[in-house]
C-alpha atoms as a PDB file:
ATOM      1  CA  UNK A   1    -160.730 -69.576 -53.833  1.00  0.00           C
ATOM      2  CA  UNK A   2    -157.766 -67.683 -55.322  1.00  0.00           C
ATOM      3  CA  UNK A   3    -156.830 -66.164 -51.940  1.00  0.00           C
ATOM      4  CA  UNK A   4    -156.930 -69.629 -50.396  1.00  0.00           C
ATOM      5  CA  UNK A   5    -154.508 -70.931 -53.039  1.00  0.00           C
ATOM      6  CA  UNK A   6    -152.142 -68.012 -52.497  1.00  0.00           C
ATOM      7  CA  UNK A   7    -152.195 -68.460 -48.730  1.00  0.00           C
ATOM      8  CA  UNK A   8    -151.480 -72.179 -49.141  1.00  0.00           C
ATOM      9  CA  UNK A   9    -148.475 -71.515 -51.391  1.00  0.00           C
ATOM     10  CA  UNK A  10    -147.188 -68.828 -49.017  1.00  0.00           C
ATOM     11  CA  UNK A  11    -147.498 -71.246 -46.085  1.00  0.00           C
ATOM     12  CA  UNK A  12    -145.558 -73.901 -47.994  1.00  0.00           C
ATOM     13  CA  UNK A  13    -142.823 -71.401 -48.847  1.00  0.00           C
ATOM     14  CA  UNK A  14    -142.510 -70.402 -45.170  1.00  0.00           C
ATOM     15  CA  UNK A  15    -142.322 -74.035 -44.084  1.00  0.00           C
ATOM     16  CA  UNK A  16    -139.601 -74.627 -46.656  1.00  0.00           C
ATOM     17  CA  UNK A  17    -137.301 -71.984 -45.190  1.00  0.00           C
ATOM     18  CA  UNK A  18    -138.225 -72.386 -41.531  1.00  0.00           C
ATOM     19  CA  UNK A  19    -135.482 -74.863 -40.595  1.00  0.00           C
ATOM     20  CA  UNK A  20    -132.914 -72.688 -42.366  1.00  0.00           C
ATOM     21  CA  UNK A  21    -134.124 -69.625 -40.460  1.00  0.00           C
ATOM     22  CA  UNK A  22    -133.980 -71.447 -37.117  1.00  0.00           C
ATOM     23  CA  UNK A  23    -130.368 -72.479 -37.722  1.00  0.00           C
ATOM     24  CA  UNK A  24    -129.512 -68.941 -38.822  1.00  0.00           C
ATOM     25  CA  UNK A  25    -130.986 -67.500 -35.623  1.00  0.00           C
ATOM     26  CA  UNK A  26    -129.008 -69.936 -33.485  1.00  0.00           C
ATOM     27  CA  UNK A  27    -125.822 -69.198 -35.384  1.00  0.00           C
ATOM     28  CA  UNK A  28    -126.020 -65.707 -33.861  1.00  0.00           C
ATOM     29  CA  UNK A  29    -126.426 -66.887 -30.247  1.00  0.00           C
ATOM     30  CA  UNK A  30    -127.726 -69.694 -28.036  1.00  0.00           C
ATOM     31  CA  UNK A  31    -131.495 -69.396 -27.833  1.00  0.00           C
ATOM     32  CA  UNK A  32    -134.420 -70.262 -25.643  1.00  0.00           C
ATOM     33  CA  UNK A  33    -137.422 -71.457 -27.684  1.00  0.00           C
ATOM     34  CA  UNK A  34    -139.400 -68.313 -26.811  1.00  0.00           C
ATOM     35  CA  UNK A  35    -136.557 -66.181 -28.226  1.00  0.00           C
ATOM     36  CA  UNK A  36    -136.638 -68.168 -31.468  1.00  0.00           C
ATOM     37  CA  UNK A  37    -140.418 -67.774 -31.731  1.00  0.00           C
ATOM     38  CA  UNK A  38    -140.147 -64.022 -31.136  1.00  0.00           C
ATOM     39  CA  UNK A  39    -137.476 -63.582 -33.809  1.00  0.00           C
ATOM     40  CA  UNK A  40    -139.488 -65.615 -36.309  1.00  0.00           C
ATOM     41  CA  UNK A  41    -142.634 -63.609 -35.544  1.00  0.00           C
ATOM     42  CA  UNK A  42    -140.683 -60.332 -35.812  1.00  0.00           C
ATOM     43  CA  UNK A  43    -139.606 -61.483 -39.279  1.00  0.00           C
ATOM     44  CA  UNK A  44    -143.277 -62.244 -40.080  1.00  0.00           C
ATOM     45  CA  UNK A  45    -142.647 -65.978 -40.255  1.00  0.00           C
ATOM     46  CA  UNK A  46    -145.537 -66.701 -37.927  1.00  0.00           C
ATOM     47  CA  UNK A  47    -144.861 -69.923 -36.065  1.00  0.00           C
ATOM     48  CA  UNK A  48    -146.489 -71.544 -33.054  1.00  0.00           C
ATOM     49  CA  UNK A  49    -144.816 -73.665 -30.389  1.00  0.00           C
ATOM     50  CA  UNK A  50    -146.427 -76.784 -31.832  1.00  0.00           C
ATOM     51  CA  UNK A  51    -144.500 -76.181 -35.057  1.00  0.00           C
ATOM     52  CA  UNK A  52    -141.196 -75.123 -33.500  1.00  0.00           C
ATOM     53  CA  UNK A  53    -140.581 -77.902 -30.973  1.00  0.00           C
ATOM     54  CA  UNK A  54    -140.763 -80.813 -33.459  1.00  0.00           C
ATOM     55  CA  UNK A  55    -138.305 -78.952 -35.730  1.00  0.00           C
ATOM     56  CA  UNK A  56    -135.909 -78.351 -32.831  1.00  0.00           C
ATOM     57  CA  UNK A  57    -136.155 -82.010 -31.824  1.00  0.00           C
ATOM     58  CA  UNK A  58    -135.496 -83.165 -35.384  1.00  0.00           C
ATOM     59  CA  UNK A  59    -132.496 -80.833 -35.683  1.00  0.00           C
ATOM     60  CA  UNK A  60    -131.155 -82.015 -32.302  1.00  0.00           C
ATOM     61  CA  UNK A  61    -131.579 -85.675 -33.276  1.00  0.00           C
ATOM     62  CA  UNK A  62    -129.717 -84.955 -36.524  1.00  0.00           C
ATOM     63  CA  UNK A  63    -126.795 -83.598 -34.498  1.00  0.00           C
ATOM     64  CA  UNK A  64    -127.260 -80.020 -35.683  1.00  0.00           C
ATOM     65  CA  UNK A  65    -128.196 -78.684 -32.237  1.00  0.00           C
ATOM     66  CA  UNK A  66    -127.401 -79.360 -28.636  1.00  0.00           C
ATOM     67  CA  UNK A  67    -129.051 -77.896 -25.565  1.00  0.00           C
ATOM     68  CA  UNK A  68    -128.391 -77.056 -21.960  1.00  0.00           C
ATOM     69  CA  UNK A  69    -130.640 -76.295 -19.011  1.00  0.00           C
ATOM     70  CA  UNK A  70    -130.229 -72.907 -17.388  1.00  0.00           C
ATOM     71  CA  UNK A  71    -131.840 -71.657 -14.204  1.00  0.00           C
ATOM     72  CA  UNK A  72    -134.427 -68.937 -14.732  1.00  0.00           C
ATOM     73  CA  UNK A  73    -134.989 -66.021 -12.365  1.00  0.00           C
ATOM     74  CA  UNK A  74    -138.723 -66.548 -13.001  1.00  0.00           C
ATOM     75  CA  UNK A  75    -140.086 -70.058 -13.013  1.00  0.00           C
ATOM     76  CA  UNK A  76    -138.555 -73.383 -14.000  1.00  0.00           C
ATOM     77  CA  UNK A  77    -135.180 -73.884 -15.717  1.00  0.00           C
ATOM     78  CA  UNK A  78    -135.040 -73.057 -19.430  1.00  0.00           C
ATOM     79  CA  UNK A  79    -133.687 -75.166 -22.251  1.00  0.00           C
ATOM     80  CA  UNK A  80    -131.229 -73.190 -24.378  1.00  0.00           C
ATOM     81  CA  UNK A  81    -130.398 -74.525 -27.830  1.00  0.00           C
ATOM     82  CA  UNK A  82    -126.967 -74.180 -29.403  1.00  0.00           C
ATOM     83  CA  UNK A  83    -125.682 -74.873 -32.906  1.00  0.00           C
ATOM     84  CA  UNK A  84    -123.146 -77.720 -32.992  1.00  0.00           C
ATOM     85  CA  UNK A  85    -120.112 -77.801 -35.285  1.00  0.00           C
ATOM     86  CA  UNK A  86    -122.080 -80.122 -37.572  1.00  0.00           C
ATOM     87  CA  UNK A  87    -124.929 -77.593 -37.476  1.00  0.00           C
ATOM     88  CA  UNK A  88    -122.577 -74.782 -38.504  1.00  0.00           C
ATOM     89  CA  UNK A  89    -121.262 -76.862 -41.408  1.00  0.00           C
ATOM     90  CA  UNK A  90    -124.820 -77.730 -42.453  1.00  0.00           C
ATOM     91  CA  UNK A  91    -125.803 -74.053 -42.239  1.00  0.00           C
ATOM     92  CA  UNK A  92    -122.885 -73.090 -44.519  1.00  0.00           C
ATOM     93  CA  UNK A  93    -124.190 -75.571 -47.094  1.00  0.00           C
ATOM     94  CA  UNK A  94    -127.700 -74.152 -46.717  1.00  0.00           C
ATOM     95  CA  UNK A  95    -126.357 -70.599 -47.125  1.00  0.00           C
ATOM     96  CA  UNK A  96    -124.796 -71.593 -50.425  1.00  0.00           C
ATOM     97  CA  UNK A  97    -127.976 -73.373 -51.558  1.00  0.00           C
ATOM     98  CA  UNK A  98    -130.070 -70.353 -50.572  1.00  0.00           C
ATOM     99  CA  UNK A  99    -127.833 -67.989 -52.573  1.00  0.00           C
ATOM    100  CA  UNK A 100    -128.098 -70.288 -55.615  1.00  0.00           C
ATOM    101  CA  UNK A 101    -131.878 -70.383 -55.261  1.00  0.00           C
ATOM    102  CA  UNK A 102    -132.182 -66.595 -54.954  1.00  0.00           C
ATOM    103  CA  UNK A 103    -129.996 -66.152 -58.057  1.00  0.00           C
ATOM    104  CA  UNK A 104    -132.077 -68.685 -60.011  1.00  0.00           C
ATOM    105  CA  UNK A 105    -135.348 -66.969 -59.103  1.00  0.00           C
ATOM    106  CA  UNK A 106    -133.874 -63.554 -59.983  1.00  0.00           C
ATOM    107  CA  UNK A 107    -132.723 -64.911 -63.352  1.00  0.00           C
ATOM    108  CA  UNK A 108    -136.193 -66.282 -64.076  1.00  0.00           C
ATOM    109  CA  UNK A 109    -137.742 -62.929 -63.098  1.00  0.00           C
ATOM    110  CA  UNK A 110    -135.384 -61.098 -65.465  1.00  0.00           C
ATOM    111  CA  UNK A 111    -136.335 -63.420 -68.320  1.00  0.00           C
ATOM    112  CA  UNK A 112    -140.067 -62.988 -67.743  1.00  0.00           C
END
């Protein structure tokens, strides 16, 4: 029962930072969804396509991302996502919020 609770909290924490991580990845370069999934998995933020695509769609609809189709040497064309100017501005705000959150948690840990 205790392990189940811990896993649930860990999953909620990952979900909470997932959109931030996706924007951070795309701030480095335009990305194909498979590249984003690989980077998230490499960082041990295990995500499946069924989780990623709705987030990308939501971010695109919010004007944070755009995309382009690019021919692939193997198979059909690929959709590459790119951070928009609005996405970069939003990411800067998230960076600041993340730093504030990390500082707050560190302060609480010091007081404990």
